[in-house]
Amino acid sequence: MDPIEKDVITSSLIRLKQDLPPLDYLLDYMKQNGVFDDNIVKAVKFTQFNAPRDEHDQADKFIEVLPSGGRHAFDVFVNALHTSEKIAHKDLSALLKDEKARKQAQQEP
């Protein structure tokens, strides 16, 4: 994930935490698209002591590990939001895309 994409995620934390789709859906989508592996999925679902995380902690951990998913992590994540059935997730997808484009335009001479 490039620095602009990381910045978009950081600047959108509150909205992300409010509007994330179910984490099982996100984790499956990210894994299916080669962004996350079994170790990352396990880290999101369980603590280092193998105790299950609650839904809030899983969301926090997902957002924390998202940048470590590689250079396609942001785009796959945005696509996961866009393909969700809920309008709020599609809106979040559009917001993240627009914010990335805005930040990229600010950096151009």
PDB file of N, CA and C in Angstrom:
ATOM      1  N   MET A   1       0.860  -1.175   0.000  1.00  0.00           N
ATOM      2  CA  MET A   1       0.000   0.000   0.000  1.00  0.00           C
ATOM      3  C   MET A   1       0.903   1.234   0.000  1.00  0.00           C
ATOM      4  N   ASP A   2       0.615   2.151  -0.889  1.00  0.00           N
ATOM      5  CA  ASP A   2       1.466   3.334  -0.983  1.00  0.00           C
ATOM      6  C   ASP A   2       1.115   4.346   0.118  1.00  0.00           C
ATOM      7  N   PRO A   3       1.989   5.341   0.329  1.00  0.00           N
ATOM      8  CA  PRO A   3       1.772   6.301   1.414  1.00  0.00           C
ATOM      9  C   PRO A   3       0.447   7.068   1.317  1.00  0.00           C
ATOM     10  N   ILE A   4       0.017   7.400   0.110  1.00  0.00           N
ATOM     11  CA  ILE A   4      -1.252   8.113  -0.041  1.00  0.00           C
ATOM     12  C   ILE A   4      -2.404   7.229   0.418  1.00  0.00           C
ATOM     13  N   GLU A   5      -2.370   5.966   0.023  1.00  0.00           N
ATOM     14  CA  GLU A   5      -3.438   5.045   0.423  1.00  0.00           C
ATOM     15  C   GLU A   5      -3.454   4.847   1.940  1.00  0.00           C
ATOM     16  N   LYS A   6      -2.275   4.741   2.548  1.00  0.00           N
ATOM     17  CA  LYS A   6      -2.201   4.631   4.008  1.00  0.00           C
ATOM     18  C   LYS A   6      -2.797   5.872   4.663  1.00  0.00           C
ATOM     19  N   ASP A   7      -2.494   7.028   4.090  1.00  0.00           N
ATOM     20  CA  ASP A   7      -3.032   8.279   4.621  1.00  0.00           C
ATOM     21  C   ASP A   7      -4.555   8.324   4.498  1.00  0.00           C
ATOM     22  N   VAL A   8      -5.088   7.829   3.392  1.00  0.00           N
ATOM     23  CA  VAL A   8      -6.542   7.787   3.192  1.00  0.00           C
ATOM     24  C   VAL A   8      -7.182   6.902   4.267  1.00  0.00           C
ATOM     25  N   ILE A   9      -6.587   5.746   4.522  1.00  0.00           N
ATOM     26  CA  ILE A   9      -7.113   4.849   5.555  1.00  0.00           C
ATOM     27  C   ILE A   9      -7.057   5.534   6.915  1.00  0.00           C
ATOM     28  N   THR A  10      -5.935   6.143   7.232  1.00  0.00           N
ATOM     29  CA  THR A  10      -5.771   6.812   8.529  1.00  0.00           C
ATOM     30  C   THR A  10      -6.765   7.960   8.690  1.00  0.00           C
ATOM     31  N   SER A  11      -6.954   8.740   7.643  1.00  0.00           N
ATOM     32  CA  SER A  11      -7.849   9.890   7.745  1.00  0.00           C
ATOM     33  C   SER A  11      -9.327   9.485   7.719  1.00  0.00           C
ATOM     34  N   SER A  12      -9.602   8.228   7.421  1.00  0.00           N
ATOM     35  CA  SER A  12     -10.987   7.742   7.343  1.00  0.00           C
ATOM     36  C   SER A  12     -11.321   6.744   8.450  1.00  0.00           C
ATOM     37  N   LEU A  13     -10.527   6.700   9.500  1.00  0.00           N
ATOM     38  CA  LEU A  13     -10.691   5.676  10.531  1.00  0.00           C
ATOM     39  C   LEU A  13     -12.083   5.635  11.148  1.00  0.00           C
ATOM     40  N   ILE A  14     -12.615   6.778  11.506  1.00  0.00           N
ATOM     41  CA  ILE A  14     -13.929   6.799  12.166  1.00  0.00           C
ATOM     42  C   ILE A  14     -14.983   6.230  11.232  1.00  0.00           C
ATOM     43  N   ARG A  15     -14.992   6.679  10.007  1.00  0.00           N
ATOM     44  CA  ARG A  15     -15.978   6.175   9.038  1.00  0.00           C
ATOM     45  C   ARG A  15     -15.787   4.679   8.780  1.00  0.00           C
ATOM     46  N   LEU A  16     -14.528   4.257   8.686  1.00  0.00           N
ATOM     47  CA  LEU A  16     -14.255   2.837   8.471  1.00  0.00           C
ATOM     48  C   LEU A  16     -14.808   1.993   9.616  1.00  0.00           C
ATOM     49  N   LYS A  17     -14.547   2.417  10.820  1.00  0.00           N
ATOM     50  CA  LYS A  17     -15.012   1.646  11.983  1.00  0.00           C
ATOM     51  C   LYS A  17     -16.534   1.619  12.066  1.00  0.00           C
ATOM     52  N   GLN A  18     -17.182   2.663  11.600  1.00  0.00           N
ATOM     53  CA  GLN A  18     -18.647   2.711  11.637  1.00  0.00           C
ATOM     54  C   GLN A  18     -19.281   1.854  10.550  1.00  0.00           C
ATOM     55  N   ASP A  19     -18.666   1.782   9.382  1.00  0.00           N
ATOM     56  CA  ASP A  19     -19.339   1.216   8.208  1.00  0.00           C
ATOM     57  C   ASP A  19     -18.685  -0.020   7.604  1.00  0.00           C
ATOM     58  N   LEU A  20     -17.785  -0.670   8.334  1.00  0.00           N
ATOM     59  CA  LEU A  20     -17.174  -1.879   7.770  1.00  0.00           C
ATOM     60  C   LEU A  20     -18.219  -2.970   7.581  1.00  0.00           C
ATOM     61  N   PRO A  21     -18.126  -3.691   6.475  1.00  0.00           N
ATOM     62  CA  PRO A  21     -18.995  -4.860   6.302  1.00  0.00           C
ATOM     63  C   PRO A  21     -18.608  -5.939   7.325  1.00  0.00           C
ATOM     64  N   PRO A  22     -19.382  -7.003   7.412  1.00  0.00           N
ATOM     65  CA  PRO A  22     -18.998  -8.099   8.310  1.00  0.00           C
ATOM     66  C   PRO A  22     -17.574  -8.571   8.000  1.00  0.00           C
ATOM     67  N   LEU A  23     -16.807  -8.770   9.042  1.00  0.00           N
ATOM     68  CA  LEU A  23     -15.399  -9.087   8.845  1.00  0.00           C
ATOM     69  C   LEU A  23     -15.176 -10.435   8.171  1.00  0.00           C
ATOM     70  N   ASP A  24     -16.053 -11.394   8.372  1.00  0.00           N
ATOM     71  CA  ASP A  24     -15.883 -12.676   7.679  1.00  0.00           C
ATOM     72  C   ASP A  24     -15.901 -12.457   6.164  1.00  0.00           C
ATOM     73  N   TYR A  25     -16.814 -11.600   5.708  1.00  0.00           N
ATOM     74  CA  TYR A  25     -16.889 -11.265   4.280  1.00  0.00           C
ATOM     75  C   TYR A  25     -15.583 -10.600   3.821  1.00  0.00           C
ATOM     76  N   LEU A  26     -15.129  -9.586   4.569  1.00  0.00           N
ATOM     77  CA  LEU A  26     -13.913  -8.868   4.182  1.00  0.00           C
ATOM     78  C   LEU A  26     -12.700  -9.782   4.175  1.00  0.00           C
ATOM     79  N   LEU A  27     -12.561 -10.577   5.225  1.00  0.00           N
ATOM     80  CA  LEU A  27     -11.397 -11.460   5.312  1.00  0.00           C
ATOM     81  C   LEU A  27     -11.396 -12.476   4.174  1.00  0.00           C
ATOM     82  N   ASP A  28     -12.558 -13.048   3.895  1.00  0.00           N
ATOM     83  CA  ASP A  28     -12.650 -13.992   2.777  1.00  0.00           C
ATOM     84  C   ASP A  28     -12.307 -13.314   1.455  1.00  0.00           C
ATOM     85  N   TYR A  29     -12.815 -12.103   1.246  1.00  0.00           N
ATOM     86  CA  TYR A  29     -12.567 -11.370   0.008  1.00  0.00           C
ATOM     87  C   TYR A  29     -11.077 -11.060  -0.145  1.00  0.00           C
ATOM     88  N   MET A  30     -10.473 -10.588   0.939  1.00  0.00           N
ATOM     89  CA  MET A  30      -9.057 -10.227   0.889  1.00  0.00           C
ATOM     90  C   MET A  30      -8.196 -11.474   0.667  1.00  0.00           C
ATOM     91  N   LYS A  31      -8.558 -12.569   1.289  1.00  0.00           N
ATOM     92  CA  LYS A  31      -7.812 -13.821   1.117  1.00  0.00           C
ATOM     93  C   LYS A  31      -7.995 -14.365  -0.301  1.00  0.00           C
ATOM     94  N   GLN A  32      -9.218 -14.369  -0.780  1.00  0.00           N
ATOM     95  CA  GLN A  32      -9.519 -14.874  -2.125  1.00  0.00           C
ATOM     96  C   GLN A  32      -8.755 -14.100  -3.193  1.00  0.00           C
ATOM     97  N   ASN A  33      -8.508 -12.823  -2.934  1.00  0.00           N
ATOM     98  CA  ASN A  33      -7.814 -11.974  -3.904  1.00  0.00           C
ATOM     99  C   ASN A  33      -6.313 -11.849  -3.628  1.00  0.00           C
ATOM    100  N   GLY A  34      -5.793 -12.719  -2.769  1.00  0.00           N
ATOM    101  CA  GLY A  34      -4.356 -12.799  -2.548  1.00  0.00           C
ATOM    102  C   GLY A  34      -3.747 -11.702  -1.708  1.00  0.00           C
ATOM    103  N   VAL A  35      -4.564 -10.934  -1.016  1.00  0.00           N
ATOM    104  CA  VAL A  35      -4.042  -9.842  -0.196  1.00  0.00           C
ATOM    105  C   VAL A  35      -3.666 -10.340   1.197  1.00  0.00           C
ATOM    106  N   PHE A  36      -4.514 -11.156   1.787  1.00  0.00           N
ATOM    107  CA  PHE A  36      -4.254 -11.719   3.111  1.00  0.00           C
ATOM    108  C   PHE A  36      -4.010 -13.213   2.989  1.00  0.00           C
ATOM    109  N   ASP A  37      -3.189 -13.739   3.893  1.00  0.00           N
ATOM    110  CA  ASP A  37      -3.006 -15.183   3.982  1.00  0.00           C
ATOM    111  C   ASP A  37      -3.627 -15.674   5.293  1.00  0.00           C
ATOM    112  N   ASP A  38      -3.516 -16.967   5.539  1.00  0.00           N
ATOM    113  CA  ASP A  38      -4.113 -17.550   6.737  1.00  0.00           C
ATOM    114  C   ASP A  38      -3.584 -16.917   8.026  1.00  0.00           C
ATOM    115  N   ASN A  39      -2.308 -16.544   8.039  1.00  0.00           N
ATOM    116  CA  ASN A  39      -1.720 -15.952   9.244  1.00  0.00           C
ATOM    117  C   ASN A  39      -2.346 -14.593   9.563  1.00  0.00           C
ATOM    118  N   ILE A  40      -2.585 -13.804   8.551  1.00  0.00           N
ATOM    119  CA  ILE A  40      -3.200 -12.495   8.781  1.00  0.00           C
ATOM    120  C   ILE A  40      -4.645 -12.669   9.222  1.00  0.00           C
ATOM    121  N   VAL A  41      -5.365 -13.577   8.581  1.00  0.00           N
ATOM    122  CA  VAL A  41      -6.759 -13.832   8.969  1.00  0.00           C
ATOM    123  C   VAL A  41      -6.808 -14.264  10.431  1.00  0.00           C
ATOM    124  N   LYS A  42      -5.900 -15.144  10.820  1.00  0.00           N
ATOM    125  CA  LYS A  42      -5.859 -15.604  12.209  1.00  0.00           C
ATOM    126  C   LYS A  42      -5.529 -14.445  13.156  1.00  0.00           C
ATOM    127  N   ALA A  43      -4.612 -13.581  12.757  1.00  0.00           N
ATOM    128  CA  ALA A  43      -4.239 -12.437  13.601  1.00  0.00           C
ATOM    129  C   ALA A  43      -5.412 -11.487  13.802  1.00  0.00           C
ATOM    130  N   VAL A  44      -6.274 -11.370  12.796  1.00  0.00           N
ATOM    131  CA  VAL A  44      -7.445 -10.499  12.921  1.00  0.00           C
ATOM    132  C   VAL A  44      -8.474 -11.130  13.857  1.00  0.00           C
ATOM    133  N   LYS A  45      -8.650 -12.430  13.756  1.00  0.00           N
ATOM    134  CA  LYS A  45      -9.705 -13.105  14.524  1.00  0.00           C
ATOM    135  C   LYS A  45      -9.311 -13.453  15.958  1.00  0.00           C
ATOM    136  N   PHE A  46      -8.008 -13.650  16.191  1.00  0.00           N
ATOM    137  CA  PHE A  46      -7.560 -14.128  17.500  1.00  0.00           C
ATOM    138  C   PHE A  46      -6.404 -13.289  18.030  1.00  0.00           C
ATOM    139  N   THR A  47      -6.296 -13.212  19.364  1.00  0.00           N
ATOM    140  CA  THR A  47      -5.167 -12.534  19.995  1.00  0.00           C
ATOM    141  C   THR A  47      -3.937 -13.422  19.892  1.00  0.00           C
ATOM    142  N   GLN A  48      -2.813 -12.898  20.321  1.00  0.00           N
ATOM    143  CA  GLN A  48      -1.578 -13.682  20.285  1.00  0.00           C
ATOM    144  C   GLN A  48      -1.650 -14.909  21.191  1.00  0.00           C
ATOM    145  N   PHE A  49      -2.633 -14.928  22.102  1.00  0.00           N
ATOM    146  CA  PHE A  49      -2.814 -16.062  23.007  1.00  0.00           C
ATOM    147  C   PHE A  49      -3.935 -16.992  22.540  1.00  0.00           C
ATOM    148  N   ASN A  50      -4.350 -16.842  21.266  1.00  0.00           N
ATOM    149  CA  ASN A  50      -5.405 -17.641  20.636  1.00  0.00           C
ATOM    150  C   ASN A  50      -6.788 -17.454  21.257  1.00  0.00           C
ATOM    151  N   ALA A  51      -6.976 -16.364  21.954  1.00  0.00           N
ATOM    152  CA  ALA A  51      -8.311 -16.027  22.451  1.00  0.00           C
ATOM    153  C   ALA A  51      -9.046 -15.272  21.347  1.00  0.00           C
ATOM    154  N   PRO A  52     -10.315 -15.585  21.120  1.00  0.00           N
ATOM    155  CA  PRO A  52     -11.052 -14.873  20.067  1.00  0.00           C
ATOM    156  C   PRO A  52     -11.168 -13.378  20.377  1.00  0.00           C
ATOM    157  N   ARG A  53     -11.031 -12.569  19.362  1.00  0.00           N
ATOM    158  CA  ARG A  53     -11.247 -11.124  19.511  1.00  0.00           C
ATOM    159  C   ARG A  53     -12.738 -10.852  19.362  1.00  0.00           C
ATOM    160  N   ASP A  54     -13.219  -9.808  20.064  1.00  0.00           N
ATOM    161  CA  ASP A  54     -14.612  -9.415  19.842  1.00  0.00           C
ATOM    162  C   ASP A  54     -14.682  -8.633  18.530  1.00  0.00           C
ATOM    163  N   GLU A  55     -15.903  -8.355  18.090  1.00  0.00           N
ATOM    164  CA  GLU A  55     -16.107  -7.722  16.781  1.00  0.00           C
ATOM    165  C   GLU A  55     -15.379  -6.383  16.657  1.00  0.00           C
ATOM    166  N   HIS A  56     -15.411  -5.596  17.721  1.00  0.00           N
ATOM    167  CA  HIS A  56     -14.748  -4.284  17.713  1.00  0.00           C
ATOM    168  C   HIS A  56     -13.231  -4.457  17.571  1.00  0.00           C
ATOM    169  N   ASP A  57     -12.664  -5.390  18.335  1.00  0.00           N
ATOM    170  CA  ASP A  57     -11.219  -5.626  18.250  1.00  0.00           C
ATOM    171  C   ASP A  57     -10.816  -6.184  16.892  1.00  0.00           C
ATOM    172  N   GLN A  58     -11.669  -7.024  16.311  1.00  0.00           N
ATOM    173  CA  GLN A  58     -11.382  -7.547  14.982  1.00  0.00           C
ATOM    174  C   GLN A  58     -11.349  -6.422  13.954  1.00  0.00           C
ATOM    175  N   ALA A  59     -12.279  -5.500  14.055  1.00  0.00           N
ATOM    176  CA  ALA A  59     -12.306  -4.366  13.125  1.00  0.00           C
ATOM    177  C   ALA A  59     -11.041  -3.524  13.270  1.00  0.00           C
ATOM    178  N   ASP A  60     -10.648  -3.256  14.508  1.00  0.00           N
ATOM    179  CA  ASP A  60      -9.425  -2.490  14.740  1.00  0.00           C
ATOM    180  C   ASP A  60      -8.204  -3.200  14.164  1.00  0.00           C
ATOM    181  N   LYS A  61      -8.128  -4.500  14.393  1.00  0.00           N
ATOM    182  CA  LYS A  61      -6.987  -5.277  13.901  1.00  0.00           C
ATOM    183  C   LYS A  61      -6.993  -5.339  12.375  1.00  0.00           C
ATOM    184  N   PHE A  62      -8.173  -5.485  11.773  1.00  0.00           N
ATOM    185  CA  PHE A  62      -8.268  -5.492  10.307  1.00  0.00           C
ATOM    186  C   PHE A  62      -7.696  -4.198   9.736  1.00  0.00           C
ATOM    187  N   ILE A  63      -8.107  -3.081  10.285  1.00  0.00           N
ATOM    188  CA  ILE A  63      -7.629  -1.784   9.791  1.00  0.00           C
ATOM    189  C   ILE A  63      -6.127  -1.654  10.026  1.00  0.00           C
ATOM    190  N   GLU A  64      -5.650  -2.188  11.134  1.00  0.00           N
ATOM    191  CA  GLU A  64      -4.218  -2.138  11.451  1.00  0.00           C
ATOM    192  C   GLU A  64      -3.385  -2.945  10.444  1.00  0.00           C
ATOM    193  N   VAL A  65      -3.863  -4.146  10.069  1.00  0.00           N
ATOM    194  CA  VAL A  65      -3.069  -5.003   9.188  1.00  0.00           C
ATOM    195  C   VAL A  65      -3.314  -4.727   7.702  1.00  0.00           C
ATOM    196  N   LEU A  66      -4.340  -3.982   7.382  1.00  0.00           N
ATOM    197  CA  LEU A  66      -4.669  -3.717   5.975  1.00  0.00           C
ATOM    198  C   LEU A  66      -3.471  -3.199   5.175  1.00  0.00           C
ATOM    199  N   PRO A  67      -2.707  -2.226   5.668  1.00  0.00           N
ATOM    200  CA  PRO A  67      -1.566  -1.744   4.873  1.00  0.00           C
ATOM    201  C   PRO A  67      -0.499  -2.804   4.613  1.00  0.00           C
ATOM    202  N   SER A  68      -0.439  -3.825   5.442  1.00  0.00           N
ATOM    203  CA  SER A  68       0.575  -4.866   5.258  1.00  0.00           C
ATOM    204  C   SER A  68       0.200  -5.854   4.158  1.00  0.00           C
ATOM    205  N   GLY A  69      -0.967  -5.664   3.562  1.00  0.00           N
ATOM    206  CA  GLY A  69      -1.436  -6.582   2.531  1.00  0.00           C
ATOM    207  C   GLY A  69      -0.797  -6.401   1.170  1.00  0.00           C
ATOM    208  N   GLY A  70       0.112  -5.479   1.043  1.00  0.00           N
ATOM    209  CA  GLY A  70       0.813  -5.299  -0.229  1.00  0.00           C
ATOM    210  C   GLY A  70       0.263  -4.153  -1.056  1.00  0.00           C
ATOM    211  N   ARG A  71       0.812  -4.025  -2.254  1.00  0.00           N
ATOM    212  CA  ARG A  71       0.497  -2.856  -3.077  1.00  0.00           C
ATOM    213  C   ARG A  71      -0.923  -2.850  -3.632  1.00  0.00           C
ATOM    214  N   HIS A  72      -1.605  -3.990  -3.628  1.00  0.00           N
ATOM    215  CA  HIS A  72      -2.969  -4.037  -4.133  1.00  0.00           C
ATOM    216  C   HIS A  72      -4.015  -4.020  -3.017  1.00  0.00           C
ATOM    217  N   ALA A  73      -3.567  -3.959  -1.773  1.00  0.00           N
ATOM    218  CA  ALA A  73      -4.482  -4.072  -0.629  1.00  0.00           C
ATOM    219  C   ALA A  73      -5.579  -3.005  -0.655  1.00  0.00           C
ATOM    220  N   PHE A  74      -5.214  -1.773  -0.940  1.00  0.00           N
ATOM    221  CA  PHE A  74      -6.197  -0.689  -0.942  1.00  0.00           C
ATOM    222  C   PHE A  74      -7.265  -0.928  -2.004  1.00  0.00           C
ATOM    223  N   ASP A  75      -6.839  -1.223  -3.218  1.00  0.00           N
ATOM    224  CA  ASP A  75      -7.793  -1.411  -4.311  1.00  0.00           C
ATOM    225  C   ASP A  75      -8.697  -2.623  -4.084  1.00  0.00           C
ATOM    226  N   VAL A  76      -8.138  -3.704  -3.569  1.00  0.00           N
ATOM    227  CA  VAL A  76      -8.953  -4.887  -3.288  1.00  0.00           C
ATOM    228  C   VAL A  76      -9.951  -4.576  -2.182  1.00  0.00           C
ATOM    229  N   PHE A  77      -9.523  -3.851  -1.164  1.00  0.00           N
ATOM    230  CA  PHE A  77     -10.405  -3.458  -0.075  1.00  0.00           C
ATOM    231  C   PHE A  77     -11.552  -2.584  -0.594  1.00  0.00           C
ATOM    232  N   VAL A  78     -11.228  -1.604  -1.418  1.00  0.00           N
ATOM    233  CA  VAL A  78     -12.255  -0.730  -1.988  1.00  0.00           C
ATOM    234  C   VAL A  78     -13.225  -1.548  -2.848  1.00  0.00           C
ATOM    235  N   ASN A  79     -12.708  -2.492  -3.599  1.00  0.00           N
ATOM    236  CA  ASN A  79     -13.582  -3.362  -4.397  1.00  0.00           C
ATOM    237  C   ASN A  79     -14.475  -4.225  -3.510  1.00  0.00           C
ATOM    238  N   ALA A  80     -13.937  -4.704  -2.403  1.00  0.00           N
ATOM    239  CA  ALA A  80     -14.744  -5.491  -1.468  1.00  0.00           C
ATOM    240  C   ALA A  80     -15.912  -4.654  -0.955  1.00  0.00           C
ATOM    241  N   LEU A  81     -15.637  -3.407  -0.628  1.00  0.00           N
ATOM    242  CA  LEU A  81     -16.706  -2.508  -0.170  1.00  0.00           C
ATOM    243  C   LEU A  81     -17.727  -2.291  -1.280  1.00  0.00           C
ATOM    244  N   HIS A  82     -17.244  -2.072  -2.484  1.00  0.00           N
ATOM    245  CA  HIS A  82     -18.123  -1.779  -3.614  1.00  0.00           C
ATOM    246  C   HIS A  82     -19.028  -2.961  -3.967  1.00  0.00           C
ATOM    247  N   THR A  83     -18.518  -4.180  -3.824  1.00  0.00           N
ATOM    248  CA  THR A  83     -19.314  -5.359  -4.175  1.00  0.00           C
ATOM    249  C   THR A  83     -20.252  -5.797  -3.058  1.00  0.00           C
ATOM    250  N   SER A  84     -20.169  -5.151  -1.918  1.00  0.00           N
ATOM    251  CA  SER A  84     -21.088  -5.451  -0.815  1.00  0.00           C
ATOM    252  C   SER A  84     -22.508  -5.054  -1.218  1.00  0.00           C
ATOM    253  N   GLU A  85     -23.471  -5.656  -0.574  1.00  0.00           N
ATOM    254  CA  GLU A  85     -24.873  -5.384  -0.914  1.00  0.00           C
ATOM    255  C   GLU A  85     -25.415  -4.094  -0.307  1.00  0.00           C
ATOM    256  N   LYS A  86     -24.746  -3.561   0.692  1.00  0.00           N
ATOM    257  CA  LYS A  86     -25.275  -2.388   1.395  1.00  0.00           C
ATOM    258  C   LYS A  86     -24.796  -1.079   0.759  1.00  0.00           C
ATOM    259  N   ILE A  87     -25.704  -0.130   0.691  1.00  0.00           N
ATOM    260  CA  ILE A  87     -25.402   1.195   0.132  1.00  0.00           C
ATOM    261  C   ILE A  87     -24.300   1.887   0.931  1.00  0.00           C
ATOM    262  N   ALA A  88     -24.315   1.747   2.263  1.00  0.00           N
ATOM    263  CA  ALA A  88     -23.303   2.406   3.099  1.00  0.00           C
ATOM    264  C   ALA A  88     -21.902   1.934   2.729  1.00  0.00           C
ATOM    265  N   HIS A  89     -21.752   0.672   2.359  1.00  0.00           N
ATOM    266  CA  HIS A  89     -20.439   0.159   1.979  1.00  0.00           C
ATOM    267  C   HIS A  89     -20.027   0.699   0.616  1.00  0.00           C
ATOM    268  N   LYS A  90     -20.986   0.800  -0.302  1.00  0.00           N
ATOM    269  CA  LYS A  90     -20.696   1.380  -1.615  1.00  0.00           C
ATOM    270  C   LYS A  90     -20.318   2.855  -1.465  1.00  0.00           C
ATOM    271  N   ASP A  91     -21.003   3.557  -0.573  1.00  0.00           N
ATOM    272  CA  ASP A  91     -20.677   4.961  -0.310  1.00  0.00           C
ATOM    273  C   ASP A  91     -19.273   5.094   0.267  1.00  0.00           C
ATOM    274  N   LEU A  92     -18.920   4.191   1.169  1.00  0.00           N
ATOM    275  CA  LEU A  92     -17.582   4.213   1.763  1.00  0.00           C
ATOM    276  C   LEU A  92     -16.529   3.938   0.686  1.00  0.00           C
ATOM    277  N   SER A  93     -16.820   3.018  -0.208  1.00  0.00           N
ATOM    278  CA  SER A  93     -15.924   2.725  -1.325  1.00  0.00           C
ATOM    279  C   SER A  93     -15.683   3.986  -2.154  1.00  0.00           C
ATOM    280  N   ALA A  94     -16.748   4.677  -2.491  1.00  0.00           N
ATOM    281  CA  ALA A  94     -16.638   5.912  -3.285  1.00  0.00           C
ATOM    282  C   ALA A  94     -15.865   6.983  -2.527  1.00  0.00           C
ATOM    283  N   LEU A  95     -16.126   7.116  -1.247  1.00  0.00           N
ATOM    284  CA  LEU A  95     -15.426   8.101  -0.421  1.00  0.00           C
ATOM    285  C   LEU A  95     -13.921   7.840  -0.424  1.00  0.00           C
ATOM    286  N   LEU A  96     -13.529   6.582  -0.241  1.00  0.00           N
ATOM    287  CA  LEU A  96     -12.104   6.249  -0.219  1.00  0.00           C
ATOM    288  C   LEU A  96     -11.451   6.500  -1.577  1.00  0.00           C
ATOM    289  N   LYS A  97     -12.116   6.143  -2.659  1.00  0.00           N
ATOM    290  CA  LYS A  97     -11.589   6.409  -4.006  1.00  0.00           C
ATOM    291  C   LYS A  97     -11.428   7.904  -4.238  1.00  0.00           C
ATOM    292  N   ASP A  98     -12.453   8.672  -3.877  1.00  0.00           N
ATOM    293  CA  ASP A  98     -12.408  10.120  -4.074  1.00  0.00           C
ATOM    294  C   ASP A  98     -11.301  10.763  -3.237  1.00  0.00           C
ATOM    295  N   GLU A  99     -11.156  10.307  -2.009  1.00  0.00           N
ATOM    296  CA  GLU A  99     -10.128  10.857  -1.125  1.00  0.00           C
ATOM    297  C   GLU A  99      -8.730  10.546  -1.679  1.00  0.00           C
ATOM    298  N   LYS A 100      -8.546   9.353  -2.199  1.00  0.00           N
ATOM    299  CA  LYS A 100      -7.258   8.998  -2.805  1.00  0.00           C
ATOM    300  C   LYS A 100      -6.979   9.902  -4.008  1.00  0.00           C
ATOM    301  N   ALA A 101      -7.968  10.083  -4.865  1.00  0.00           N
ATOM    302  CA  ALA A 101      -7.786  10.937  -6.041  1.00  0.00           C
ATOM    303  C   ALA A 101      -7.475  12.390  -5.629  1.00  0.00           C
ATOM    304  N   ARG A 102      -8.164  12.866  -4.604  1.00  0.00           N
ATOM    305  CA  ARG A 102      -7.926  14.235  -4.123  1.00  0.00           C
ATOM    306  C   ARG A 102      -6.498  14.389  -3.608  1.00  0.00           C
ATOM    307  N   LYS A 103      -6.036  13.431  -2.827  1.00  0.00           N
ATOM    308  CA  LYS A 103      -4.683  13.500  -2.262  1.00  0.00           C
ATOM    309  C   LYS A 103      -3.616  13.370  -3.364  1.00  0.00           C
ATOM    310  N   GLN A 104      -3.900  12.535  -4.366  1.00  0.00           N
ATOM    311  CA  GLN A 104      -2.961  12.405  -5.480  1.00  0.00           C
ATOM    312  C   GLN A 104      -2.879  13.718  -6.253  1.00  0.00           C
ATOM    313  N   ALA A 105      -4.015  14.360  -6.472  1.00  0.00           N
ATOM    314  CA  ALA A 105      -4.030  15.637  -7.205  1.00  0.00           C
ATOM    315  C   ALA A 105      -3.280  16.722  -6.448  1.00  0.00           C
ATOM    316  N   GLN A 106      -3.321  16.681  -5.131  1.00  0.00           N
ATOM    317  CA  GLN A 106      -2.606  17.673  -4.325  1.00  0.00           C
ATOM    318  C   GLN A 106      -1.099  17.526  -4.469  1.00  0.00           C
ATOM    319  N   GLN A 107      -0.639  16.309  -4.734  1.00  0.00           N
ATOM    320  CA  GLN A 107       0.796  16.076  -4.835  1.00  0.00           C
ATOM    321  C   GLN A 107       1.364  16.363  -6.215  1.00  0.00           C
ATOM    322  N   GLU A 108       0.502  16.501  -7.211  1.00  0.00           N
ATOM    323  CA  GLU A 108       0.979  16.778  -8.565  1.00  0.00           C
ATOM    324  C   GLU A 108       1.373  18.242  -8.679  1.00  0.00           C
ATOM    325  N   PRO A 109       2.454  18.518  -9.431  1.00  0.00           N
ATOM    326  CA  PRO A 109       2.919  19.925  -9.570  1.00  0.00           C
ATOM    327  C   PRO A 109       1.983  20.767 -10.399  1.00  0.00           C
TER     328      PRO A 109
END
